[in-house]
Amino acid sequence: MIKRIIILVALCSILLVLLKFQSSTPVNNTSVKSESSSKYTTVTYKITNIKGDQYYGEKENGNEIIFSAEKITSGDSIKVNDQVICYFDKNNLGNGIVKVEKK
């Protein structure tokens, strides 16, 4: 009986250690620029489709995004397969895209 209790305590300890390490890893790999745009979180997307003024992009990990032409601040024309940098408010990611620039 005591052996079972010791094994149970050891397994619970291992489980708690694994849960601690899992929760300390970052949720996503967004890069934060430390230049003049330090108030933004930036994410790079590849444009996969353009329908009217709607642009469809995809990250390397498969995450997709849709944004309108009004968010594009650079004067460059963006085409399919172009890389763009999407800027999100660092303090409030829920607000969506602040601006988009061609990479």
PDB file of N, CA and C in Angstrom:
ATOM      1  N   MET A   1       0.812  -1.185   0.000  1.00  0.00           N
ATOM      2  CA  MET A   1       0.000   0.000   0.000  1.00  0.00           C
ATOM      3  C   MET A   1       0.864   1.261   0.000  1.00  0.00           C
ATOM      4  N   ILE A   2       1.924   1.236   0.776  1.00  0.00           N
ATOM      5  CA  ILE A   2       2.800   2.402   0.860  1.00  0.00           C
ATOM      6  C   ILE A   2       3.518   2.610  -0.468  1.00  0.00           C
ATOM      7  N   LYS A   3       3.866   1.529  -1.163  1.00  0.00           N
ATOM      8  CA  LYS A   3       4.511   1.648  -2.470  1.00  0.00           C
ATOM      9  C   LYS A   3       3.589   2.383  -3.452  1.00  0.00           C
ATOM     10  N   ARG A   4       2.322   2.066  -3.420  1.00  0.00           N
ATOM     11  CA  ARG A   4       1.360   2.711  -4.312  1.00  0.00           C
ATOM     12  C   ARG A   4       1.239   4.209  -4.020  1.00  0.00           C
ATOM     13  N   ILE A   5       1.245   4.556  -2.754  1.00  0.00           N
ATOM     14  CA  ILE A   5       1.165   5.965  -2.369  1.00  0.00           C
ATOM     15  C   ILE A   5       2.418   6.710  -2.832  1.00  0.00           C
ATOM     16  N   ILE A   6       3.590   6.104  -2.684  1.00  0.00           N
ATOM     17  CA  ILE A   6       4.843   6.720  -3.120  1.00  0.00           C
ATOM     18  C   ILE A   6       4.832   6.903  -4.638  1.00  0.00           C
ATOM     19  N   ILE A   7       4.375   5.901  -5.364  1.00  0.00           N
ATOM     20  CA  ILE A   7       4.304   5.996  -6.827  1.00  0.00           C
ATOM     21  C   ILE A   7       3.301   7.089  -7.233  1.00  0.00           C
ATOM     22  N   LEU A   8       2.167   7.161  -6.544  1.00  0.00           N
ATOM     23  CA  LEU A   8       1.165   8.177  -6.828  1.00  0.00           C
ATOM     24  C   LEU A   8       1.718   9.586  -6.593  1.00  0.00           C
ATOM     25  N   VAL A   9       2.420   9.792  -5.511  1.00  0.00           N
ATOM     26  CA  VAL A   9       3.010  11.102  -5.212  1.00  0.00           C
ATOM     27  C   VAL A   9       4.071  11.449  -6.257  1.00  0.00           C
ATOM     28  N   ALA A  10       4.887  10.483  -6.652  1.00  0.00           N
ATOM     29  CA  ALA A  10       5.922  10.735  -7.657  1.00  0.00           C
ATOM     30  C   ALA A  10       5.300  11.104  -8.998  1.00  0.00           C
ATOM     31  N   LEU A  11       4.280  10.385  -9.418  1.00  0.00           N
ATOM     32  CA  LEU A  11       3.614  10.696 -10.687  1.00  0.00           C
ATOM     33  C   LEU A  11       2.915  12.056 -10.649  1.00  0.00           C
ATOM     34  N   CYS A  12       2.299  12.397  -9.534  1.00  0.00           N
ATOM     35  CA  CYS A  12       1.671  13.714  -9.407  1.00  0.00           C
ATOM     36  C   CYS A  12       2.716  14.825  -9.483  1.00  0.00           C
ATOM     37  N   SER A  13       3.876  14.605  -8.873  1.00  0.00           N
ATOM     38  CA  SER A  13       4.957  15.592  -8.922  1.00  0.00           C
ATOM     39  C   SER A  13       5.435  15.798 -10.355  1.00  0.00           C
ATOM     40  N   ILE A  14       5.611  14.713 -11.085  1.00  0.00           N
ATOM     41  CA  ILE A  14       6.045  14.803 -12.483  1.00  0.00           C
ATOM     42  C   ILE A  14       4.992  15.543 -13.303  1.00  0.00           C
ATOM     43  N   LEU A  15       3.731  15.248 -13.074  1.00  0.00           N
ATOM     44  CA  LEU A  15       2.649  15.920 -13.793  1.00  0.00           C
ATOM     45  C   LEU A  15       2.651  17.423 -13.526  1.00  0.00           C
ATOM     46  N   LEU A  16       2.829  17.817 -12.287  1.00  0.00           N
ATOM     47  CA  LEU A  16       2.863  19.238 -11.946  1.00  0.00           C
ATOM     48  C   LEU A  16       4.055  19.944 -12.592  1.00  0.00           C
ATOM     49  N   VAL A  17       5.214  19.281 -12.627  1.00  0.00           N
ATOM     50  CA  VAL A  17       6.398  19.872 -13.264  1.00  0.00           C
ATOM     51  C   VAL A  17       6.157  20.047 -14.760  1.00  0.00           C
ATOM     52  N   LEU A  18       5.572  19.057 -15.411  1.00  0.00           N
ATOM     53  CA  LEU A  18       5.288  19.159 -16.838  1.00  0.00           C
ATOM     54  C   LEU A  18       4.274  20.255 -17.131  1.00  0.00           C
ATOM     55  N   LEU A  19       3.255  20.394 -16.312  1.00  0.00           N
ATOM     56  CA  LEU A  19       2.274  21.453 -16.500  1.00  0.00           C
ATOM     57  C   LEU A  19       2.903  22.828 -16.313  1.00  0.00           C
ATOM     58  N   LYS A  20       3.819  22.945 -15.379  1.00  0.00           N
ATOM     59  CA  LYS A  20       4.506  24.220 -15.152  1.00  0.00           C
ATOM     60  C   LYS A  20       5.329  24.605 -16.374  1.00  0.00           C
ATOM     61  N   PHE A  21       6.075  23.673 -16.959  1.00  0.00           N
ATOM     62  CA  PHE A  21       6.890  23.966 -18.134  1.00  0.00           C
ATOM     63  C   PHE A  21       6.022  24.274 -19.348  1.00  0.00           C
ATOM     64  N   GLN A  22       4.906  23.587 -19.487  1.00  0.00           N
ATOM     65  CA  GLN A  22       4.035  23.825 -20.631  1.00  0.00           C
ATOM     66  C   GLN A  22       3.408  25.210 -20.564  1.00  0.00           C
ATOM     67  N   SER A  23       3.017  25.645 -19.415  1.00  0.00           N
ATOM     68  CA  SER A  23       2.364  26.948 -19.294  1.00  0.00           C
ATOM     69  C   SER A  23       3.355  28.101 -19.388  1.00  0.00           C
ATOM     70  N   SER A  24       4.655  27.856 -19.255  1.00  0.00           N
ATOM     71  CA  SER A  24       5.626  28.942 -19.321  1.00  0.00           C
ATOM     72  C   SER A  24       6.122  29.192 -20.741  1.00  0.00           C
ATOM     73  N   THR A  25       5.731  28.351 -21.710  1.00  0.00           N
ATOM     74  CA  THR A  25       6.145  28.579 -23.093  1.00  0.00           C
ATOM     75  C   THR A  25       5.252  29.632 -23.724  1.00  0.00           C
ATOM     76  N   PRO A  26       5.785  30.438 -24.658  1.00  0.00           N
ATOM     77  CA  PRO A  26       4.966  31.485 -25.276  1.00  0.00           C
ATOM     78  C   PRO A  26       3.849  30.901 -26.124  1.00  0.00           C
ATOM     79  N   VAL A  27       2.752  31.640 -26.217  1.00  0.00           N
ATOM     80  CA  VAL A  27       1.586  31.183 -26.953  1.00  0.00           C
ATOM     81  C   VAL A  27       1.788  31.301 -28.448  1.00  0.00           C
ATOM     82  N   ASN A  28       2.372  32.410 -28.904  1.00  0.00           N
ATOM     83  CA  ASN A  28       2.601  32.590 -30.330  1.00  0.00           C
ATOM     84  C   ASN A  28       3.954  33.246 -30.560  1.00  0.00           C
ATOM     85  N   ASN A  29       4.410  33.184 -31.776  1.00  0.00           N
ATOM     86  CA  ASN A  29       5.718  33.719 -32.119  1.00  0.00           C
ATOM     87  C   ASN A  29       5.577  35.028 -32.879  1.00  0.00           C
ATOM     88  N   THR A  30       5.102  36.052 -32.224  1.00  0.00           N
ATOM     89  CA  THR A  30       5.048  37.353 -32.856  1.00  0.00           C
ATOM     90  C   THR A  30       6.314  38.101 -32.498  1.00  0.00           C
ATOM     91  N   SER A  31       6.815  38.848 -33.448  1.00  0.00           N
ATOM     92  CA  SER A  31       8.026  39.611 -33.191  1.00  0.00           C
ATOM     93  C   SER A  31       7.652  41.044 -32.876  1.00  0.00           C
ATOM     94  N   VAL A  32       8.279  41.575 -31.862  1.00  0.00           N
ATOM     95  CA  VAL A  32       8.009  42.944 -31.454  1.00  0.00           C
ATOM     96  C   VAL A  32       9.190  43.791 -31.875  1.00  0.00           C
ATOM     97  N   LYS A  33       8.923  44.817 -32.695  1.00  0.00           N
ATOM     98  CA  LYS A  33       9.999  45.692 -33.142  1.00  0.00           C
ATOM     99  C   LYS A  33      10.384  46.626 -32.010  1.00  0.00           C
ATOM    100  N   SER A  34      11.681  46.886 -31.882  1.00  0.00           N
ATOM    101  CA  SER A  34      12.148  47.770 -30.826  1.00  0.00           C
ATOM    102  C   SER A  34      12.549  49.128 -31.379  1.00  0.00           C
ATOM    103  N   GLU A  35      12.202  49.402 -32.622  1.00  0.00           N
ATOM    104  CA  GLU A  35      12.532  50.678 -33.232  1.00  0.00           C
ATOM    105  C   GLU A  35      11.472  51.697 -32.853  1.00  0.00           C
ATOM    106  N   SER A  36      11.142  52.583 -33.792  1.00  0.00           N
ATOM    107  CA  SER A  36      10.160  53.619 -33.526  1.00  0.00           C
ATOM    108  C   SER A  36       8.765  53.041 -33.329  1.00  0.00           C
ATOM    109  N   SER A  37       8.528  51.819 -33.760  1.00  0.00           N
ATOM    110  CA  SER A  37       7.211  51.207 -33.637  1.00  0.00           C
ATOM    111  C   SER A  37       7.133  50.283 -32.427  1.00  0.00           C
ATOM    112  N   SER A  38       7.781  50.646 -31.332  1.00  0.00           N
ATOM    113  CA  SER A  38       7.798  49.798 -30.147  1.00  0.00           C
ATOM    114  C   SER A  38       6.426  49.656 -29.502  1.00  0.00           C
ATOM    115  N   LYS A  39       5.474  50.505 -29.885  1.00  0.00           N
ATOM    116  CA  LYS A  39       4.137  50.351 -29.329  1.00  0.00           C
ATOM    117  C   LYS A  39       3.300  49.354 -30.118  1.00  0.00           C
ATOM    118  N   TYR A  40       3.891  48.731 -31.140  1.00  0.00           N
ATOM    119  CA  TYR A  40       3.187  47.770 -31.978  1.00  0.00           C
ATOM    120  C   TYR A  40       3.797  46.374 -31.882  1.00  0.00           C
ATOM    121  N   THR A  41       2.948  45.393 -32.052  1.00  0.00           N
ATOM    122  CA  THR A  41       3.382  44.022 -32.260  1.00  0.00           C
ATOM    123  C   THR A  41       3.258  43.770 -33.758  1.00  0.00           C
ATOM    124  N   THR A  42       4.306  43.235 -34.374  1.00  0.00           N
ATOM    125  CA  THR A  42       4.286  43.034 -35.821  1.00  0.00           C
ATOM    126  C   THR A  42       4.266  41.556 -36.161  1.00  0.00           C
ATOM    127  N   VAL A  43       3.543  41.235 -37.218  1.00  0.00           N
ATOM    128  CA  VAL A  43       3.453  39.859 -37.708  1.00  0.00           C
ATOM    129  C   VAL A  43       3.577  39.912 -39.226  1.00  0.00           C
ATOM    130  N   THR A  44       4.395  39.019 -39.783  1.00  0.00           N
ATOM    131  CA  THR A  44       4.590  38.976 -41.227  1.00  0.00           C
ATOM    132  C   THR A  44       3.674  37.926 -41.847  1.00  0.00           C
ATOM    133  N   TYR A  45       2.985  38.331 -42.908  1.00  0.00           N
ATOM    134  CA  TYR A  45       2.085  37.447 -43.638  1.00  0.00           C
ATOM    135  C   TYR A  45       2.454  37.443 -45.113  1.00  0.00           C
ATOM    136  N   LYS A  46       2.120  36.359 -45.799  1.00  0.00           N
ATOM    137  CA  LYS A  46       2.266  36.265 -47.251  1.00  0.00           C
ATOM    138  C   LYS A  46       0.870  36.381 -47.851  1.00  0.00           C
ATOM    139  N   ILE A  47       0.706  37.300 -48.797  1.00  0.00           N
ATOM    140  CA  ILE A  47      -0.599  37.509 -49.420  1.00  0.00           C
ATOM    141  C   ILE A  47      -0.918  36.307 -50.310  1.00  0.00           C
ATOM    142  N   THR A  48      -2.080  35.693 -50.067  1.00  0.00           N
ATOM    143  CA  THR A  48      -2.475  34.495 -50.823  1.00  0.00           C
ATOM    144  C   THR A  48      -3.571  34.780 -51.837  1.00  0.00           C
ATOM    145  N   ASN A  49      -4.360  35.848 -51.616  1.00  0.00           N
ATOM    146  CA  ASN A  49      -5.466  36.134 -52.521  1.00  0.00           C
ATOM    147  C   ASN A  49      -5.877  37.590 -52.347  1.00  0.00           C
ATOM    148  N   ILE A  50      -6.384  38.181 -53.427  1.00  0.00           N
ATOM    149  CA  ILE A  50      -6.906  39.544 -53.380  1.00  0.00           C
ATOM    150  C   ILE A  50      -8.265  39.539 -54.083  1.00  0.00           C
ATOM    151  N   LYS A  51      -9.301  39.979 -53.356  1.00  0.00           N
ATOM    152  CA  LYS A  51     -10.644  40.085 -53.931  1.00  0.00           C
ATOM    153  C   LYS A  51     -11.141  41.500 -53.689  1.00  0.00           C
ATOM    154  N   GLY A  52     -11.138  42.306 -54.744  1.00  0.00           N
ATOM    155  CA  GLY A  52     -11.548  43.699 -54.599  1.00  0.00           C
ATOM    156  C   GLY A  52     -10.565  44.446 -53.722  1.00  0.00           C
ATOM    157  N   ASP A  53     -11.071  45.013 -52.621  1.00  0.00           N
ATOM    158  CA  ASP A  53     -10.171  45.690 -51.695  1.00  0.00           C
ATOM    159  C   ASP A  53      -9.876  44.845 -50.458  1.00  0.00           C
ATOM    160  N   GLN A  54     -10.188  43.556 -50.502  1.00  0.00           N
ATOM    161  CA  GLN A  54      -9.909  42.632 -49.413  1.00  0.00           C
ATOM    162  C   GLN A  54      -8.654  41.816 -49.720  1.00  0.00           C
ATOM    163  N   TYR A  55      -7.727  41.803 -48.788  1.00  0.00           N
ATOM    164  CA  TYR A  55      -6.474  41.070 -48.939  1.00  0.00           C
ATOM    165  C   TYR A  55      -6.468  39.897 -47.967  1.00  0.00           C
ATOM    166  N   TYR A  56      -6.074  38.737 -48.459  1.00  0.00           N
ATOM    167  CA  TYR A  56      -6.027  37.517 -47.664  1.00  0.00           C
ATOM    168  C   TYR A  56      -4.568  37.124 -47.499  1.00  0.00           C
ATOM    169  N   GLY A  57      -4.137  36.910 -46.249  1.00  0.00           N
ATOM    170  CA  GLY A  57      -2.752  36.549 -45.994  1.00  0.00           C
ATOM    171  C   GLY A  57      -2.648  35.324 -45.114  1.00  0.00           C
ATOM    172  N   GLU A  58      -1.458  34.713 -45.138  1.00  0.00           N
ATOM    173  CA  GLU A  58      -1.222  33.509 -44.347  1.00  0.00           C
ATOM    174  C   GLU A  58       0.190  33.549 -43.783  1.00  0.00           C
ATOM    175  N   LYS A  59       0.323  33.159 -42.499  1.00  0.00           N
ATOM    176  CA  LYS A  59       1.635  33.039 -41.869  1.00  0.00           C
ATOM    177  C   LYS A  59       2.228  31.681 -42.219  1.00  0.00           C
ATOM    178  N   GLU A  60       3.503  31.505 -41.894  1.00  0.00           N
ATOM    179  CA  GLU A  60       4.174  30.221 -42.144  1.00  0.00           C
ATOM    180  C   GLU A  60       3.527  29.083 -41.381  1.00  0.00           C
ATOM    181  N   ASN A  61       2.953  29.385 -40.206  1.00  0.00           N
ATOM    182  CA  ASN A  61       2.342  28.324 -39.402  1.00  0.00           C
ATOM    183  C   ASN A  61       0.894  28.026 -39.801  1.00  0.00           C
ATOM    184  N   GLY A  62       0.382  28.716 -40.847  1.00  0.00           N
ATOM    185  CA  GLY A  62      -0.958  28.434 -41.338  1.00  0.00           C
ATOM    186  C   GLY A  62      -2.027  29.392 -40.865  1.00  0.00           C
ATOM    187  N   ASN A  63      -1.718  30.267 -39.903  1.00  0.00           N
ATOM    188  CA  ASN A  63      -2.709  31.256 -39.455  1.00  0.00           C
ATOM    189  C   ASN A  63      -3.030  32.208 -40.595  1.00  0.00           C
ATOM    190  N   GLU A  64      -4.312  32.528 -40.748  1.00  0.00           N
ATOM    191  CA  GLU A  64      -4.745  33.382 -41.846  1.00  0.00           C
ATOM    192  C   GLU A  64      -5.291  34.696 -41.324  1.00  0.00           C
ATOM    193  N   ILE A  65      -5.283  35.703 -42.200  1.00  0.00           N
ATOM    194  CA  ILE A  65      -5.788  37.027 -41.847  1.00  0.00           C
ATOM    195  C   ILE A  65      -6.441  37.644 -43.077  1.00  0.00           C
ATOM    196  N   ILE A  66      -7.421  38.496 -42.842  1.00  0.00           N
ATOM    197  CA  ILE A  66      -8.075  39.259 -43.906  1.00  0.00           C
ATOM    198  C   ILE A  66      -8.057  40.725 -43.479  1.00  0.00           C
ATOM    199  N   PHE A  67      -7.671  41.606 -44.388  1.00  0.00           N
ATOM    200  CA  PHE A  67      -7.696  43.028 -44.092  1.00  0.00           C
ATOM    201  C   PHE A  67      -8.081  43.785 -45.355  1.00  0.00           C
ATOM    202  N   SER A  68      -8.533  45.022 -45.161  1.00  0.00           N
ATOM    203  CA  SER A  68      -8.969  45.835 -46.298  1.00  0.00           C
ATOM    204  C   SER A  68      -7.849  46.763 -46.741  1.00  0.00           C
ATOM    205  N   ALA A  69      -8.006  47.316 -47.935  1.00  0.00           N
ATOM    206  CA  ALA A  69      -6.983  48.176 -48.538  1.00  0.00           C
ATOM    207  C   ALA A  69      -6.784  49.454 -47.726  1.00  0.00           C
ATOM    208  N   GLU A  70      -7.769  49.871 -46.973  1.00  0.00           N
ATOM    209  CA  GLU A  70      -7.631  51.108 -46.199  1.00  0.00           C
ATOM    210  C   GLU A  70      -6.588  50.997 -45.088  1.00  0.00           C
ATOM    211  N   LYS A  71      -6.204  49.782 -44.695  1.00  0.00           N
ATOM    212  CA  LYS A  71      -5.189  49.580 -43.658  1.00  0.00           C
ATOM    213  C   LYS A  71      -3.766  49.686 -44.208  1.00  0.00           C
ATOM    214  N   ILE A  72      -3.603  49.684 -45.527  1.00  0.00           N
ATOM    215  CA  ILE A  72      -2.275  49.722 -46.151  1.00  0.00           C
ATOM    216  C   ILE A  72      -1.772  51.161 -46.123  1.00  0.00           C
ATOM    217  N   THR A  73      -0.619  51.369 -45.468  1.00  0.00           N
ATOM    218  CA  THR A  73      -0.075  52.721 -45.339  1.00  0.00           C
ATOM    219  C   THR A  73       1.010  53.015 -46.367  1.00  0.00           C
ATOM    220  N   SER A  74       1.688  51.987 -46.850  1.00  0.00           N
ATOM    221  CA  SER A  74       2.737  52.229 -47.840  1.00  0.00           C
ATOM    222  C   SER A  74       2.099  52.479 -49.202  1.00  0.00           C
ATOM    223  N   GLY A  75       2.767  53.260 -50.030  1.00  0.00           N
ATOM    224  CA  GLY A  75       2.235  53.574 -51.344  1.00  0.00           C
ATOM    225  C   GLY A  75       2.439  52.461 -52.352  1.00  0.00           C
ATOM    226  N   ASP A  76       3.178  51.426 -51.984  1.00  0.00           N
ATOM    227  CA  ASP A  76       3.452  50.315 -52.893  1.00  0.00           C
ATOM    228  C   ASP A  76       2.191  49.501 -53.151  1.00  0.00           C
ATOM    229  N   SER A  77       2.076  48.990 -54.380  1.00  0.00           N
ATOM    230  CA  SER A  77       0.959  48.094 -54.658  1.00  0.00           C
ATOM    231  C   SER A  77       1.322  46.700 -54.167  1.00  0.00           C
ATOM    232  N   ILE A  78       0.378  46.056 -53.543  1.00  0.00           N
ATOM    233  CA  ILE A  78       0.595  44.724 -52.976  1.00  0.00           C
ATOM    234  C   ILE A  78      -0.056  43.710 -53.893  1.00  0.00           C
ATOM    235  N   LYS A  79       0.707  42.679 -54.228  1.00  0.00           N
ATOM    236  CA  LYS A  79       0.230  41.626 -55.128  1.00  0.00           C
ATOM    237  C   LYS A  79       0.251  40.289 -54.400  1.00  0.00           C
ATOM    238  N   VAL A  80      -0.331  39.272 -55.027  1.00  0.00           N
ATOM    239  CA  VAL A  80      -0.309  37.916 -54.475  1.00  0.00           C
ATOM    240  C   VAL A  80       1.148  37.460 -54.361  1.00  0.00           C
ATOM    241  N   ASN A  81       1.475  36.768 -53.285  1.00  0.00           N
ATOM    242  CA  ASN A  81       2.798  36.251 -52.912  1.00  0.00           C
ATOM    243  C   ASN A  81       3.732  37.311 -52.342  1.00  0.00           C
ATOM    244  N   ASP A  82       3.285  38.564 -52.187  1.00  0.00           N
ATOM    245  CA  ASP A  82       4.094  39.583 -51.523  1.00  0.00           C
ATOM    246  C   ASP A  82       4.071  39.352 -50.019  1.00  0.00           C
ATOM    247  N   GLN A  83       5.140  39.740 -49.350  1.00  0.00           N
ATOM    248  CA  GLN A  83       5.214  39.685 -47.894  1.00  0.00           C
ATOM    249  C   GLN A  83       4.779  41.041 -47.348  1.00  0.00           C
ATOM    250  N   VAL A  84       3.916  41.032 -46.340  1.00  0.00           N
ATOM    251  CA  VAL A  84       3.475  42.266 -45.705  1.00  0.00           C
ATOM    252  C   VAL A  84       3.694  42.160 -44.197  1.00  0.00           C
ATOM    253  N   ILE A  85       3.866  43.313 -43.580  1.00  0.00           N
ATOM    254  CA  ILE A  85       4.004  43.386 -42.122  1.00  0.00           C
ATOM    255  C   ILE A  85       2.734  44.010 -41.579  1.00  0.00           C
ATOM    256  N   CYS A  86       2.042  43.282 -40.719  1.00  0.00           N
ATOM    257  CA  CYS A  86       0.818  43.778 -40.093  1.00  0.00           C
ATOM    258  C   CYS A  86       1.156  44.275 -38.689  1.00  0.00           C
ATOM    259  N   TYR A  87       0.712  45.476 -38.374  1.00  0.00           N
ATOM    260  CA  TYR A  87       0.965  46.083 -37.075  1.00  0.00           C
ATOM    261  C   TYR A  87      -0.291  46.002 -36.222  1.00  0.00           C
ATOM    262  N   PHE A  88      -0.122  45.494 -34.999  1.00  0.00           N
ATOM    263  CA  PHE A  88      -1.205  45.397 -34.028  1.00  0.00           C
ATOM    264  C   PHE A  88      -0.822  46.225 -32.807  1.00  0.00           C
ATOM    265  N   ASP A  89      -1.797  46.833 -32.160  1.00  0.00           N
ATOM    266  CA  ASP A  89      -1.540  47.592 -30.941  1.00  0.00           C
ATOM    267  C   ASP A  89      -1.023  46.633 -29.874  1.00  0.00           C
ATOM    268  N   LYS A  90       0.151  46.924 -29.346  1.00  0.00           N
ATOM    269  CA  LYS A  90       0.803  46.035 -28.383  1.00  0.00           C
ATOM    270  C   LYS A  90      -0.036  45.853 -27.120  1.00  0.00           C
ATOM    271  N   ASN A  91      -0.725  46.904 -26.705  1.00  0.00           N
ATOM    272  CA  ASN A  91      -1.483  46.851 -25.459  1.00  0.00           C
ATOM    273  C   ASN A  91      -2.911  46.344 -25.639  1.00  0.00           C
ATOM    274  N   ASN A  92      -3.360  46.241 -26.896  1.00  0.00           N
ATOM    275  CA  ASN A  92      -4.732  45.799 -27.121  1.00  0.00           C
ATOM    276  C   ASN A  92      -4.813  45.082 -28.466  1.00  0.00           C
ATOM    277  N   LEU A  93      -4.409  43.814 -28.511  1.00  0.00           N
ATOM    278  CA  LEU A  93      -4.424  43.044 -29.753  1.00  0.00           C
ATOM    279  C   LEU A  93      -5.837  42.831 -30.279  1.00  0.00           C
ATOM    280  N   GLY A  94      -6.829  42.947 -29.425  1.00  0.00           N
ATOM    281  CA  GLY A  94      -8.213  42.741 -29.826  1.00  0.00           C
ATOM    282  C   GLY A  94      -8.745  43.820 -30.754  1.00  0.00           C
ATOM    283  N   ASN A  95      -8.056  44.951 -30.849  1.00  0.00           N
ATOM    284  CA  ASN A  95      -8.506  46.024 -31.738  1.00  0.00           C
ATOM    285  C   ASN A  95      -8.283  45.682 -33.206  1.00  0.00           C
ATOM    286  N   GLY A  96      -7.509  44.679 -33.486  1.00  0.00           N
ATOM    287  CA  GLY A  96      -7.242  44.294 -34.869  1.00  0.00           C
ATOM    288  C   GLY A  96      -6.035  45.023 -35.436  1.00  0.00           C
ATOM    289  N   ILE A  97      -5.941  45.016 -36.749  1.00  0.00           N
ATOM    290  CA  ILE A  97      -4.787  45.600 -37.439  1.00  0.00           C
ATOM    291  C   ILE A  97      -4.837  47.117 -37.359  1.00  0.00           C
ATOM    292  N   VAL A  98      -3.698  47.713 -37.018  1.00  0.00           N
ATOM    293  CA  VAL A  98      -3.581  49.158 -36.997  1.00  0.00           C
ATOM    294  C   VAL A  98      -3.172  49.648 -38.385  1.00  0.00           C
ATOM    295  N   LYS A  99      -2.162  48.986 -38.961  1.00  0.00           N
ATOM    296  CA  LYS A  99      -1.698  49.357 -40.316  1.00  0.00           C
ATOM    297  C   LYS A  99      -0.972  48.175 -40.932  1.00  0.00           C
ATOM    298  N   VAL A 100      -0.788  48.242 -42.258  1.00  0.00           N
ATOM    299  CA  VAL A 100      -0.100  47.196 -43.009  1.00  0.00           C
ATOM    300  C   VAL A 100       0.911  47.862 -43.940  1.00  0.00           C
ATOM    301  N   GLU A 101       2.101  47.283 -44.004  1.00  0.00           N
ATOM    302  CA  GLU A 101       3.152  47.775 -44.911  1.00  0.00           C
ATOM    303  C   GLU A 101       3.709  46.616 -45.723  1.00  0.00           C
ATOM    304  N   LYS A 102       4.135  46.900 -46.926  1.00  0.00           N
ATOM    305  CA  LYS A 102       4.801  45.896 -47.750  1.00  0.00           C
ATOM    306  C   LYS A 102       6.204  45.700 -47.209  1.00  0.00           C
ATOM    307  N   LYS A 103       6.628  44.467 -47.111  1.00  0.00           N
ATOM    308  CA  LYS A 103       7.945  44.152 -46.560  1.00  0.00           C
ATOM    309  C   LYS A 103       9.036  44.405 -47.574  1.00  0.00           C
TER     310      LYS A 103
END
